[in-house]
Amino acid sequence: MQALSVFADMIASSGQEAQVSTKIWVDVNDLAALIDGDNSVEYLTLGAAVVARDNLPADRINGAKIKCGARIFTADEIDRLYHKPASRKQ
């Protein structure tokens, strides 16, 4: 935590705003829907929905959202999604 505080102080002193991104852990195999304006397309996996969002025209990527279960991820959150490996059963 100390190092993070020092890093934030260094950025603040350089005149830049400190931004710390937090990883959002998800299961990429969950069902998901890509919401692009008034259109919604269902995908078999969250991973496929993210790929489809990344393939949208550049001017529509930031406005697109992804719904997975009850949660709707914004563009900023989509960029912070990380795959949570399934726990191994022994």
C-alpha atoms as a PDB file:
ATOM      1  CA  MET A   1       0.000   0.000   0.000  1.00  0.00           C
ATOM      2  CA  GLN A   2       2.902   2.303   0.782  1.00  0.00           C
ATOM      3  CA  ALA A   3       4.301   1.940  -2.753  1.00  0.00           C
ATOM      4  CA  LEU A   4       0.914   2.750  -4.262  1.00  0.00           C
ATOM      5  CA  SER A   5       0.707   5.888  -2.150  1.00  0.00           C
ATOM      6  CA  VAL A   6       4.201   6.982  -3.212  1.00  0.00           C
ATOM      7  CA  PHE A   7       3.319   6.297  -6.866  1.00  0.00           C
ATOM      8  CA  ALA A   8       0.119   8.362  -6.578  1.00  0.00           C
ATOM      9  CA  ASP A   9       2.085  11.212  -4.964  1.00  0.00           C
ATOM     10  CA  MET A  10       4.630  11.132  -7.820  1.00  0.00           C
ATOM     11  CA  ILE A  11       1.905  11.375 -10.449  1.00  0.00           C
ATOM     12  CA  ALA A  12       0.074  14.103  -8.539  1.00  0.00           C
ATOM     13  CA  SER A  13       3.258  16.145  -8.246  1.00  0.00           C
ATOM     14  CA  SER A  14       3.820  15.821 -12.006  1.00  0.00           C
ATOM     15  CA  GLY A  15       0.484  17.542 -12.635  1.00  0.00           C
ATOM     16  CA  GLN A  16      -1.300  14.413 -13.877  1.00  0.00           C
ATOM     17  CA  GLU A  17      -4.403  12.984 -12.253  1.00  0.00           C
ATOM     18  CA  ALA A  18      -3.766   9.686 -10.481  1.00  0.00           C
ATOM     19  CA  GLN A  19      -5.924   6.896 -11.838  1.00  0.00           C
ATOM     20  CA  VAL A  20      -5.724   3.403 -10.428  1.00  0.00           C
ATOM     21  CA  SER A  21      -7.630   0.752 -12.374  1.00  0.00           C
ATOM     22  CA  THR A  22      -9.053  -2.195 -10.552  1.00  0.00           C
ATOM     23  CA  LYS A  23      -9.315  -5.552 -12.240  1.00  0.00           C
ATOM     24  CA  ILE A  24     -12.822  -6.961 -12.580  1.00  0.00           C
ATOM     25  CA  TRP A  25     -12.655 -10.736 -12.353  1.00  0.00           C
ATOM     26  CA  VAL A  26     -15.218 -12.599 -14.472  1.00  0.00           C
ATOM     27  CA  ASP A  27     -15.862 -16.019 -15.983  1.00  0.00           C
ATOM     28  CA  VAL A  28     -15.527 -15.497 -19.744  1.00  0.00           C
ATOM     29  CA  ASN A  29     -17.701 -18.570 -20.330  1.00  0.00           C
ATOM     30  CA  ASP A  30     -20.845 -16.945 -18.868  1.00  0.00           C
ATOM     31  CA  LEU A  31     -23.697 -15.991 -21.207  1.00  0.00           C
ATOM     32  CA  ALA A  32     -23.658 -12.324 -22.221  1.00  0.00           C
ATOM     33  CA  ALA A  33     -25.313  -9.760 -24.468  1.00  0.00           C
ATOM     34  CA  LEU A  34     -23.665  -6.910 -26.359  1.00  0.00           C
ATOM     35  CA  ILE A  35     -25.733  -3.727 -26.137  1.00  0.00           C
ATOM     36  CA  ASP A  36     -24.965  -1.333 -28.974  1.00  0.00           C
ATOM     37  CA  GLY A  37     -27.385   1.578 -28.886  1.00  0.00           C
ATOM     38  CA  ASP A  38     -30.890   0.174 -29.401  1.00  0.00           C
ATOM     39  CA  ASN A  39     -29.539  -3.204 -30.560  1.00  0.00           C
ATOM     40  CA  SER A  40     -28.785  -6.155 -28.309  1.00  0.00           C
ATOM     41  CA  VAL A  41     -27.126  -9.358 -29.488  1.00  0.00           C
ATOM     42  CA  GLU A  42     -26.904 -12.482 -27.310  1.00  0.00           C
ATOM     43  CA  TYR A  43     -23.600 -14.395 -27.195  1.00  0.00           C
ATOM     44  CA  LEU A  44     -22.838 -17.835 -25.801  1.00  0.00           C
ATOM     45  CA  THR A  45     -19.899 -16.426 -23.823  1.00  0.00           C
ATOM     46  CA  LEU A  46     -18.782 -13.167 -22.306  1.00  0.00           C
ATOM     47  CA  GLY A  47     -15.520 -13.620 -24.180  1.00  0.00           C
ATOM     48  CA  ALA A  48     -17.363 -13.672 -27.527  1.00  0.00           C
ATOM     49  CA  ALA A  49     -19.312 -10.539 -26.568  1.00  0.00           C
ATOM     50  CA  VAL A  50     -16.072  -8.701 -25.729  1.00  0.00           C
ATOM     51  CA  VAL A  51     -14.535  -9.718 -29.076  1.00  0.00           C
ATOM     52  CA  ALA A  52     -17.677  -8.537 -30.903  1.00  0.00           C
ATOM     53  CA  ARG A  53     -17.539  -5.214 -29.037  1.00  0.00           C
ATOM     54  CA  ASP A  54     -13.872  -4.779 -29.960  1.00  0.00           C
ATOM     55  CA  ASN A  55     -14.804  -5.331 -33.627  1.00  0.00           C
ATOM     56  CA  LEU A  56     -17.379  -2.522 -33.654  1.00  0.00           C
ATOM     57  CA  PRO A  57     -16.510   0.658 -35.566  1.00  0.00           C
ATOM     58  CA  ALA A  58     -14.278   2.901 -33.448  1.00  0.00           C
ATOM     59  CA  ASP A  59     -16.976   5.535 -32.962  1.00  0.00           C
ATOM     60  CA  ARG A  60     -19.332   2.965 -31.343  1.00  0.00           C
ATOM     61  CA  ILE A  61     -16.960   1.065 -29.039  1.00  0.00           C
ATOM     62  CA  ASN A  62     -17.130   3.505 -26.107  1.00  0.00           C
ATOM     63  CA  GLY A  63     -20.934   3.584 -26.145  1.00  0.00           C
ATOM     64  CA  ALA A  64     -21.359  -0.183 -26.234  1.00  0.00           C
ATOM     65  CA  LYS A  65     -22.123  -2.093 -23.038  1.00  0.00           C
ATOM     66  CA  ILE A  66     -22.131  -5.768 -22.152  1.00  0.00           C
ATOM     67  CA  LYS A  67     -24.770  -7.394 -19.975  1.00  0.00           C
ATOM     68  CA  CYS A  68     -23.721 -10.526 -18.127  1.00  0.00           C
ATOM     69  CA  GLY A  69     -26.296 -11.871 -15.697  1.00  0.00           C
ATOM     70  CA  ALA A  70     -27.734  -8.937 -13.766  1.00  0.00           C
ATOM     71  CA  ARG A  71     -24.639  -6.777 -14.310  1.00  0.00           C
ATOM     72  CA  ILE A  72     -24.155  -4.296 -17.148  1.00  0.00           C
ATOM     73  CA  PHE A  73     -20.516  -3.408 -17.857  1.00  0.00           C
ATOM     74  CA  THR A  74     -19.661   0.031 -19.256  1.00  0.00           C
ATOM     75  CA  ALA A  75     -16.818   0.673 -21.714  1.00  0.00           C
ATOM     76  CA  ASP A  76     -14.408   1.486 -18.871  1.00  0.00           C
ATOM     77  CA  GLU A  77     -15.366  -1.678 -17.012  1.00  0.00           C
ATOM     78  CA  ILE A  78     -15.096  -3.852 -20.128  1.00  0.00           C
ATOM     79  CA  ASP A  79     -11.505  -2.707 -20.548  1.00  0.00           C
ATOM     80  CA  ARG A  80     -10.789  -3.920 -16.986  1.00  0.00           C
ATOM     81  CA  LEU A  81     -12.299  -7.413 -17.311  1.00  0.00           C
ATOM     82  CA  TYR A  82      -9.964 -10.270 -16.446  1.00  0.00           C
ATOM     83  CA  HIS A  83     -10.679 -13.984 -16.726  1.00  0.00           C
ATOM     84  CA  LYS A  84     -11.098 -15.750 -13.422  1.00  0.00           C
ATOM     85  CA  PRO A  85      -9.704 -19.280 -13.886  1.00  0.00           C
ATOM     86  CA  ALA A  86     -12.082 -22.023 -12.779  1.00  0.00           C
ATOM     87  CA  SER A  87     -11.066 -23.685  -9.553  1.00  0.00           C
ATOM     88  CA  ARG A  88      -9.683 -27.160 -10.058  1.00  0.00           C
ATOM     89  CA  LYS A  89     -11.625 -29.974  -8.476  1.00  0.00           C
ATOM     90  CA  GLN A  90      -9.531 -32.795  -7.068  1.00  0.00           C
END
